[in-house]
Structures are given as structure tokens and as C-alpha cells.
Amino acid sequence: MQIKTDIEALLKTVVFNKASDLHLVSRAEPQIRIDGALRPLELGVLSGKDIEDICYTLITDAQKSELENNKELDFAVDLPNIGRFRGNYYYTTNGDLAAAFRVIPINIPSLDDLRSPLIFKELIKREKGLILVTGPTGSGKSTTLAAMLNEINLNFRKHIITVEDPVEFVHPNNKSLFSHRNVGTDTRSYAKALKYSLREDPDVILVGEMRDSETISTAITAAETGHLVFGTLHTNSSIQTINRIVDSFDGGEQLQVRNMLSSSLTAIISQSLLPKAGGGRYAVHEILINNPAIANLIRENRIHQIYSQMQLNQQQSGMSTQTQALVKAIKAGQITKDTAMRFATNQQELLNSIGAI
């Protein structure tokens, strides 16, 4: 049995079934994720040695050394006539290798393809500022960011630097010029890449993940100094995102960080992917757009009052709370009430809002 063919066959199965992920874990069958739910492929139980034989065919000797030294490995791989995938190798109990693969669409979607809120097309026209797309793993953050960069690429002549671990979507150079950088092979860290990117004449910078205070601080500085900066955080709401950023710094630095964030922040998009009524998945967005009132609340550390500001002037600002987005999706028949309740961050508010639907 040709091991290389095995992994290619598995990944072909993922693409054929329009799944998002493939999981290989010892003492279990290979499983794929379709519309958010795992489904076994009924191909037999794998051992750790099986997974090692399958997965080692996709990586270089240098990557094998990194995996064995660090016990983790992130990478991306292109398979001709199959697709592009983000891979993560890791170890489980008894030293067994495990793997997770995620499909990266080769054809980069547009904001229209994703049926994104109209405000997204206005945000990408900004010359500077910090735009954060947040949400849990698997919520479609990378896809939304790729669509926003694609919109810039189709309409503006910009130099766009992306720093990711690993690089996921590879954009063609249409009107814009892309410099894709992979943490680990093209640069040592997010923070170093961001620092030196300011000398590389960028107009737009994408930070794949804002993991630490140094990266966050440099991203905010880049946004302050005339660059449009996109980034991600694993947070579930705008308020949680602001608190996470501020709490990443020592107490003595937090006042300065709030001041910088209040002036540099453009928007926070907190995204969830929910099971769609009738099959598929539907993106729900909580959207915060910075304005003088919100900037003042950030500066004065009255973060808890931001939510009430997000409920005001919806038509003019383009803002939306998660509750409002869920109610809109229910009314449109995109999701059920039960689904909305399961994913709501404020269940009582949602319950009050849908009582009259």
C-alpha cells in the first residue's frame, strides 16, 4: 500500500465531501468535519505508527526535526489537483503522532461570495487603523480576512505584507503587490516581522495571530503610523477583545495601551459560524466600529459601557451586537432559534429579543 497515496486519498475525500477538516488520531478512525460536526470515514482504526507513516510523507527532514524537538508542527502544503491545506502535527498519550488538516480554498472568496455585511467594503478603504477579526478556532476568521484583502487587491494599488504561521491563502498580484511571510522559515517571530515590516514600505499588514504583548504593541504602533493593520485574536466579543489586549500588558503600561488603542482601533469583527437551517454554515458577526464615544470609553477604562454604545445608531454606524445579528439571521430563516440560543454569548438578552418573533 502506497502511504503517499493514502494521505492524498484522505485529503481528496475531505475536498470531495466539502468538509473543512481531517483528523488523524491513534486508536480511532480518520474523521472529517462537515458543517461543524465530525464524521468517521469507516476506514479502520489507526495506530500512532500508521499516522507517522502517512504524515511524514508530507514534510521535509527539517520539519521532522522541528516536530520531534518541539512536539508540535504547523505548516501549509499544496497538493496538485487536490488543494491547499494547513496542517498541524502533535503528540498524544504514549507518544503517538496525531494530525489535523484544514482545507484552504484555492479560489479566494470575495466579500460578495461570503455575503459579508456591507460595512466590510467600507472598512477596507481606510488608509490606516487596526481591524481585528476575532472568534474561536474554526469560525472562519482567516477566510473573512482573505476576502477583505482580496477586495483591496481587486480595487487598490497597495503593498500588502502578510505574516502568518503558516501562510494560508496565497493571493495573486492583481492591482496590489503581496509579500507573504511564514513565521519560522521567512522570519523568526511575529514581533520581528512586524518590526521590520515598517521598513518594507507596506500599505497594509496582516498579522496572522496577535499572541503576545510585543506583537500587539507593534501592531498598534503600525496602525498609528499610517498603515492599515489586520489581525486576529481568539476572543468571542468586542469587549473581551479590548480587555484581552489591555490585560496583555503590565499594570503600569495599561494606561498608555488604552490611549494608543483608542486612537488606532478602527473595528472589531467578532465572528461565529453557526449550523445553517437546511445544511451548511452561516456566519454571524458582532461588529464594533470605533467612534469618539467608544474611543473615550476605552481611554477612561469604562470598557463595560461600550456595549450600550454598540446598540445605538445602527443604520448610520454599521455596528451590530451579536444578539442583533442572531435575531436578523433567525428572521431571515438562516438559523433556528435553538441554534441561536446555543451560540449566544448573552442568552437572556437573546431570549428577550426573540420572544416576539
Protein backbone atom coordinates (compact mmCIF):
# COMPACT_ATOMS: atom_id res chain seq x y z
CA MET A 1 0.00 0.00 0.00
CA GLN A 2 1.46 3.37 -1.02
CA ILE A 3 1.43 5.62 2.02
CA LYS A 4 1.65 8.81 -0.06
CA THR A 5 -1.43 7.73 -1.97
CA ASP A 6 -3.18 7.14 1.33
CA ILE A 7 -2.79 10.73 2.56
CA GLU A 8 -3.70 12.10 -0.84
CA ALA A 9 -6.77 9.87 -0.92
CA LEU A 10 -7.78 11.06 2.54
CA LEU A 11 -7.41 14.71 1.59
CA LYS A 12 -9.26 14.12 -1.68
CA THR A 13 -12.10 12.71 0.44
CA VAL A 14 -12.12 15.90 2.53
CA VAL A 15 -12.42 18.07 -0.58
CA PHE A 16 -14.97 15.78 -2.26
CA ASN A 17 -17.25 15.88 0.79
CA LYS A 18 -16.85 19.66 1.16
CA ALA A 19 -15.50 19.09 4.65
CA SER A 20 -13.42 21.66 6.48
CA ASP A 21 -11.04 19.41 8.43
CA LEU A 22 -9.44 15.97 8.63
CA HIS A 23 -8.40 14.42 11.96
CA LEU A 24 -5.98 11.52 12.38
CA VAL A 25 -5.73 10.32 15.99
CA SER A 26 -4.41 6.97 17.16
CA ARG A 27 -6.90 4.31 18.28
CA ALA A 28 -9.60 5.98 16.16
CA GLU A 29 -10.76 6.03 12.56
CA PRO A 30 -9.92 9.03 10.36
CA GLN A 31 -12.65 11.65 10.81
CA ILE A 32 -13.71 14.68 8.79
CA ARG A 33 -15.69 17.73 9.87
CA ILE A 34 -18.76 18.61 7.78
CA ASP A 35 -20.93 21.60 8.73
CA GLY A 36 -19.26 21.68 12.12
CA ALA A 37 -19.80 18.00 13.03
CA LEU A 38 -17.21 15.21 13.00
CA ARG A 39 -17.94 12.12 10.90
CA PRO A 40 -15.83 8.93 10.84
CA LEU A 41 -14.68 7.69 7.45
CA GLU A 42 -15.04 4.00 8.38
CA LEU A 43 -11.57 3.18 7.07
CA GLY A 44 -10.38 1.30 10.13
CA VAL A 45 -8.66 2.32 13.34
CA LEU A 46 -5.22 3.92 13.00
CA SER A 47 -2.20 3.36 15.22
CA GLY A 48 0.39 6.01 16.01
CA LYS A 49 2.79 4.23 13.61
CA ASP A 50 0.15 4.33 10.84
CA ILE A 51 -0.23 8.08 11.30
CA GLU A 52 3.53 8.61 11.33
CA ASP A 53 3.93 6.66 8.09
CA ILE A 54 1.11 8.63 6.48
CA CYS A 55 2.03 12.09 7.73
CA TYR A 56 5.82 12.03 7.38
CA THR A 57 5.43 11.85 3.59
CA LEU A 58 4.24 15.47 3.55
CA ILE A 59 7.08 17.14 5.46
CA THR A 60 10.80 17.78 4.98
CA ASP A 61 13.63 16.46 7.13
CA ALA A 62 13.95 19.91 8.72
CA GLN A 63 10.26 19.88 9.61
CA LYS A 64 10.61 16.38 11.06
CA SER A 65 13.40 17.63 13.32
CA GLU A 66 11.29 20.60 14.39
CA LEU A 67 8.38 18.30 15.17
CA GLU A 68 10.49 15.89 17.19
CA ASN A 69 12.19 18.71 19.11
CA ASN A 70 9.14 20.89 19.77
CA LYS A 71 6.44 18.19 19.76
CA GLU A 72 4.33 20.47 17.54
CA LEU A 73 4.45 21.49 13.90
CA ASP A 74 2.39 23.96 11.88
CA PHE A 75 2.75 24.05 8.11
CA ALA A 76 0.85 24.50 4.85
CA VAL A 77 1.02 22.22 1.84
CA ASP A 78 -0.15 22.37 -1.79
CA LEU A 79 -1.16 19.08 -3.39
CA PRO A 80 -1.57 19.33 -7.18
CA ASN A 81 -5.10 18.65 -8.39
CA ILE A 82 -6.30 18.28 -4.79
CA GLY A 83 -5.94 21.55 -2.92
CA ARG A 84 -4.08 23.56 -0.30
CA PHE A 85 -4.16 22.56 3.35
CA ARG A 86 -2.99 23.85 6.71
CA GLY A 87 -1.53 21.01 8.75
CA ASN A 88 -0.79 20.61 12.44
CA TYR A 89 1.11 17.62 13.81
CA TYR A 90 1.17 16.93 17.55
CA TYR A 91 1.70 14.10 20.00
CA THR A 92 -0.86 12.39 22.24
CA THR A 93 -0.58 9.93 25.15
CA ASN A 94 2.05 7.19 24.71
CA GLY A 95 3.95 9.37 22.26
CA ASP A 96 1.61 8.70 19.34
CA LEU A 97 1.64 11.20 16.49
CA ALA A 98 -1.68 12.87 15.59
CA ALA A 99 -2.60 15.28 12.83
CA ALA A 100 -5.23 17.85 11.91
CA PHE A 101 -5.63 19.26 8.40
CA ARG A 102 -7.78 22.19 7.36
CA VAL A 103 -8.81 22.96 3.79
CA ILE A 104 -7.65 26.33 2.47
CA PRO A 105 -9.72 27.32 -0.57
CA ILE A 106 -7.53 27.85 -3.64
CA ASN A 107 -10.04 30.30 -5.09
CA ILE A 108 -10.04 33.19 -2.67
CA PRO A 109 -13.62 34.27 -1.94
CA SER A 110 -14.87 37.80 -2.36
CA LEU A 111 -16.85 39.66 0.28
CA ASP A 112 -19.85 39.22 -2.01
CA ASP A 113 -19.25 35.46 -2.13
CA LEU A 114 -19.36 35.38 1.66
CA ARG A 115 -22.39 37.69 1.78
CA SER A 116 -20.47 39.81 4.26
CA PRO A 117 -22.02 42.92 5.82
CA LEU A 118 -21.68 45.98 3.58
CA ILE A 119 -19.61 47.80 6.19
CA PHE A 120 -16.69 45.45 5.41
CA LYS A 121 -16.27 47.10 1.99
CA GLU A 122 -16.07 50.49 3.69
CA LEU A 123 -13.52 49.31 6.26
CA ILE A 124 -11.02 48.14 3.65
CA LYS A 125 -10.98 51.64 2.13
CA ARG A 126 -9.32 53.06 5.26
CA GLU A 127 -5.75 54.28 4.86
CA LYS A 128 -4.76 53.41 8.42
CA GLY A 129 -6.05 51.81 11.58
CA LEU A 130 -6.36 48.44 13.32
CA ILE A 131 -9.06 46.00 12.18
CA LEU A 132 -9.41 42.84 14.27
CA VAL A 133 -11.32 39.73 13.26
CA THR A 134 -11.91 37.54 16.30
CA GLY A 135 -13.62 34.30 17.22
CA PRO A 136 -12.91 30.72 18.24
CA THR A 137 -10.89 28.29 16.14
CA GLY A 138 -12.86 27.28 13.07
CA SER A 139 -15.06 30.37 12.99
CA GLY A 140 -13.83 31.49 9.56
CA LYS A 141 -11.54 34.33 10.64
CA SER A 142 -8.89 33.53 8.03
CA THR A 143 -11.48 33.33 5.26
CA THR A 144 -13.01 36.69 6.17
CA LEU A 145 -9.58 38.33 6.28
CA ALA A 146 -8.64 36.75 2.94
CA ALA A 147 -11.82 38.14 1.39
CA MET A 148 -11.06 41.62 2.77
CA LEU A 149 -7.53 41.54 1.38
CA ASN A 150 -8.91 40.23 -1.91
CA GLU A 151 -11.22 43.25 -2.07
CA ILE A 152 -8.22 45.55 -1.64
CA ASN A 153 -6.30 43.55 -4.25
CA LEU A 154 -9.09 43.95 -6.80
CA ASN A 155 -9.53 47.68 -6.29
CA PHE A 156 -6.37 49.40 -4.98
CA ARG A 157 -2.66 49.54 -5.73
CA LYS A 158 -1.19 48.66 -2.34
CA HIS A 159 1.78 46.75 -0.95
CA ILE A 160 0.32 44.10 1.35
CA ILE A 161 2.58 42.17 3.75
CA THR A 162 1.11 39.08 5.42
CA VAL A 163 2.79 37.41 8.41
CA GLU A 164 1.29 34.03 9.27
CA ASP A 165 2.14 30.71 10.90
CA PRO A 166 1.72 29.15 8.39
CA VAL A 167 0.78 31.23 5.34
CA GLU A 168 -2.72 30.11 4.40
CA PHE A 169 -4.27 31.97 1.47
CA VAL A 170 -1.74 32.82 -1.26
CA HIS A 171 -3.01 35.87 -3.16
CA PRO A 172 -2.14 36.57 -6.78
CA ASN A 173 -0.81 40.05 -7.54
CA ASN A 174 -3.71 41.83 -9.24
CA LYS A 175 -3.74 45.56 -8.54
CA SER A 176 -1.88 45.05 -5.26
CA LEU A 177 1.55 43.57 -4.56
CA PHE A 178 1.73 40.80 -1.91
CA SER A 179 4.69 39.82 0.25
CA HIS A 180 3.74 36.61 2.11
CA ARG A 181 5.95 35.72 5.09
CA ASN A 182 5.88 32.46 7.01
CA VAL A 183 6.87 32.56 10.69
CA GLY A 184 9.66 30.05 11.28
CA THR A 185 11.01 29.93 7.72
CA ASP A 186 10.82 33.53 6.43
CA THR A 187 11.01 35.30 9.80
CA ARG A 188 11.77 34.31 13.39
CA SER A 189 8.61 35.68 15.01
CA TYR A 190 5.50 37.79 14.51
CA ALA A 191 7.04 40.60 16.55
CA LYS A 192 10.28 40.71 14.50
CA ALA A 193 8.39 40.52 11.20
CA LEU A 194 6.13 43.38 12.25
CA LYS A 195 9.03 45.50 13.45
CA TYR A 196 10.94 45.15 10.18
CA SER A 197 7.84 45.37 8.01
CA LEU A 198 7.70 49.08 8.78
CA ARG A 199 10.92 49.40 6.73
CA GLU A 200 9.46 47.45 3.81
CA ASP A 201 7.11 50.18 2.58
CA PRO A 202 3.80 48.43 3.36
CA ASP A 203 0.37 49.96 2.96
CA VAL A 204 -1.44 47.01 4.54
CA ILE A 205 -0.17 44.46 7.07
CA LEU A 206 -1.87 41.21 8.08
CA VAL A 207 -0.80 39.68 11.39
CA GLY A 208 -1.97 36.06 11.45
CA GLU A 209 -2.25 35.96 15.22
CA MET A 210 -1.60 38.57 17.93
CA ARG A 211 -0.12 36.21 20.50
CA ASP A 212 1.85 38.42 22.90
CA SER A 213 2.24 41.97 24.16
CA GLU A 214 5.22 42.71 21.88
CA THR A 215 3.28 41.72 18.76
CA ILE A 216 0.18 43.63 19.92
CA SER A 217 2.19 46.74 20.75
CA THR A 218 3.97 46.74 17.37
CA ALA A 219 0.69 46.19 15.52
CA ILE A 220 -0.93 49.14 17.32
CA THR A 221 2.12 51.31 16.56
CA ALA A 222 1.97 50.33 12.88
CA ALA A 223 -1.71 51.31 12.79
CA GLU A 224 -0.90 54.63 14.46
CA THR A 225 1.85 55.44 11.97
CA GLY A 226 -0.25 55.31 8.82
CA HIS A 227 -0.75 51.63 8.00
CA LEU A 228 -3.91 49.56 7.73
CA VAL A 229 -3.30 46.57 10.01
CA PHE A 230 -5.43 43.42 10.15
CA GLY A 231 -5.08 40.92 12.98
CA THR A 232 -6.84 38.06 14.76
CA LEU A 233 -7.48 37.11 18.37
CA HIS A 234 -9.23 34.08 19.86
CA THR A 235 -11.88 36.13 21.65
CA ASN A 236 -15.66 35.96 21.43
CA SER A 237 -16.76 39.60 21.64
CA SER A 238 -15.54 43.15 21.12
CA ILE A 239 -15.40 43.88 24.84
CA GLN A 240 -13.49 40.66 25.55
CA THR A 241 -11.07 41.58 22.75
CA ILE A 242 -10.31 45.03 24.18
CA ASN A 243 -9.87 43.58 27.67
CA ARG A 244 -7.56 40.84 26.34
CA ILE A 245 -5.37 43.42 24.59
CA VAL A 246 -5.12 45.68 27.64
CA ASP A 247 -4.58 42.77 30.05
CA SER A 248 -1.65 41.54 27.94
CA PHE A 249 0.39 44.41 29.41
CA ASP A 250 1.65 45.13 32.90
CA GLY A 251 -0.44 47.47 35.04
CA GLY A 252 1.94 50.40 34.54
CA GLU A 253 1.65 50.11 30.76
CA GLN A 254 -2.11 49.73 30.51
CA LEU A 255 -2.96 53.45 30.51
CA GLN A 256 -0.65 54.06 27.55
CA VAL A 257 -2.03 51.00 25.73
CA ARG A 258 -5.62 52.18 26.20
CA ASN A 259 -4.67 55.61 24.85
CA MET A 260 -2.95 54.10 21.82
CA LEU A 261 -5.77 51.64 21.18
CA SER A 262 -8.45 54.31 21.46
CA SER A 263 -6.88 56.26 18.59
CA SER A 264 -5.65 53.39 16.40
CA LEU A 265 -8.59 50.96 16.59
CA THR A 266 -10.86 51.03 13.55
CA ALA A 267 -13.11 47.99 14.03
CA ILE A 268 -13.54 44.67 15.79
CA ILE A 269 -15.44 41.91 13.97
CA SER A 270 -16.33 39.01 16.27
CA GLN A 271 -17.40 36.11 14.10
CA SER A 272 -19.22 32.82 14.73
CA LEU A 273 -20.02 30.06 12.23
CA LEU A 274 -23.39 28.51 13.06
CA PRO A 275 -25.17 25.48 11.61
CA LYS A 276 -27.43 26.79 8.90
CA ALA A 277 -31.07 25.76 8.69
CA GLY A 278 -31.20 23.12 5.96
CA GLY A 279 -27.46 22.40 5.99
CA GLY A 280 -24.21 24.29 5.66
CA ARG A 281 -22.97 27.02 7.97
CA TYR A 282 -23.84 30.68 8.38
CA ALA A 283 -21.56 33.47 9.62
CA VAL A 284 -22.88 35.80 12.31
CA HIS A 285 -20.93 38.98 13.06
CA GLU A 286 -20.81 41.26 16.07
CA ILE A 287 -19.34 44.50 14.71
CA LEU A 288 -17.80 47.35 16.68
CA ILE A 289 -16.82 50.49 14.76
CA ASN A 290 -14.67 52.90 16.73
CA ASN A 291 -16.03 56.42 17.15
CA PRO A 292 -15.31 59.33 19.54
CA ALA A 293 -17.69 57.98 22.20
CA ILE A 294 -16.17 54.48 22.16
CA ALA A 295 -12.62 55.85 22.00
CA ASN A 296 -13.35 57.90 25.11
CA LEU A 297 -14.67 54.82 26.95
CA ILE A 298 -11.50 52.90 26.06
CA ARG A 299 -9.26 55.73 27.29
CA GLU A 300 -11.17 56.06 30.55
CA ASN A 301 -11.25 52.28 31.15
CA ARG A 302 -15.05 52.13 31.02
CA ILE A 303 -14.99 49.16 28.67
CA HIS A 304 -18.19 47.69 30.13
CA GLN A 305 -20.16 50.69 28.79
CA ILE A 306 -19.13 50.06 25.17
CA TYR A 307 -21.91 47.52 24.61
CA SER A 308 -24.63 50.13 25.08
CA GLN A 309 -22.88 52.36 22.53
CA MET A 310 -22.89 49.49 20.04
CA GLN A 311 -26.69 49.35 20.28
CA LEU A 312 -27.06 52.98 19.13
CA ASN A 313 -27.30 54.42 15.60
CA GLN A 314 -27.08 51.04 13.90
CA GLN A 315 -28.09 52.29 10.43
CA GLN A 316 -25.53 55.09 10.41
CA SER A 317 -22.59 53.29 12.04
CA GLY A 318 -22.82 49.75 10.66
CA MET A 319 -22.39 48.36 14.15
CA SER A 320 -24.21 45.29 15.40
CA THR A 321 -24.30 43.33 18.63
CA GLN A 322 -24.25 39.55 18.43
CA THR A 323 -27.85 39.46 19.69
CA GLN A 324 -28.99 41.76 16.88
CA ALA A 325 -27.12 39.67 14.31
CA LEU A 326 -28.68 36.45 15.63
CA VAL A 327 -32.18 37.92 15.58
CA LYS A 328 -31.66 39.09 11.99
CA ALA A 329 -30.48 35.60 10.99
CA ILE A 330 -33.49 33.97 12.65
CA LYS A 331 -35.91 36.32 10.88
CA ALA A 332 -34.22 35.55 7.55
CA GLY A 333 -34.63 31.83 8.16
CA GLN A 334 -30.88 31.24 8.07
CA ILE A 335 -30.67 29.70 11.55
CA THR A 336 -33.13 28.28 14.06
CA LYS A 337 -33.94 29.77 17.45
CA ASP A 338 -32.40 26.74 19.15
CA THR A 339 -29.14 27.21 17.25
CA ALA A 340 -29.06 30.90 18.13
CA MET A 341 -29.54 30.11 21.83
CA ARG A 342 -26.71 27.56 21.79
CA PHE A 343 -24.20 30.03 20.37
CA ALA A 344 -25.38 33.24 22.07
CA THR A 345 -22.95 34.97 24.41
CA ASN A 346 -25.89 36.72 26.13
CA GLN A 347 -28.68 34.15 26.22
CA GLN A 348 -31.06 36.19 28.36
CA GLU A 349 -30.87 39.21 26.05
CA LEU A 350 -31.44 36.96 23.05
CA LEU A 351 -34.37 35.23 24.76
CA ASN A 352 -35.98 38.62 25.40
CA SER A 353 -35.37 39.67 21.79
CA ILE A 354 -36.75 36.57 20.09
CA GLY A 355 -39.80 36.29 22.32
CA ALA A 356 -41.75 38.48 19.92
CA ILE A 357 -40.57 36.77 16.71
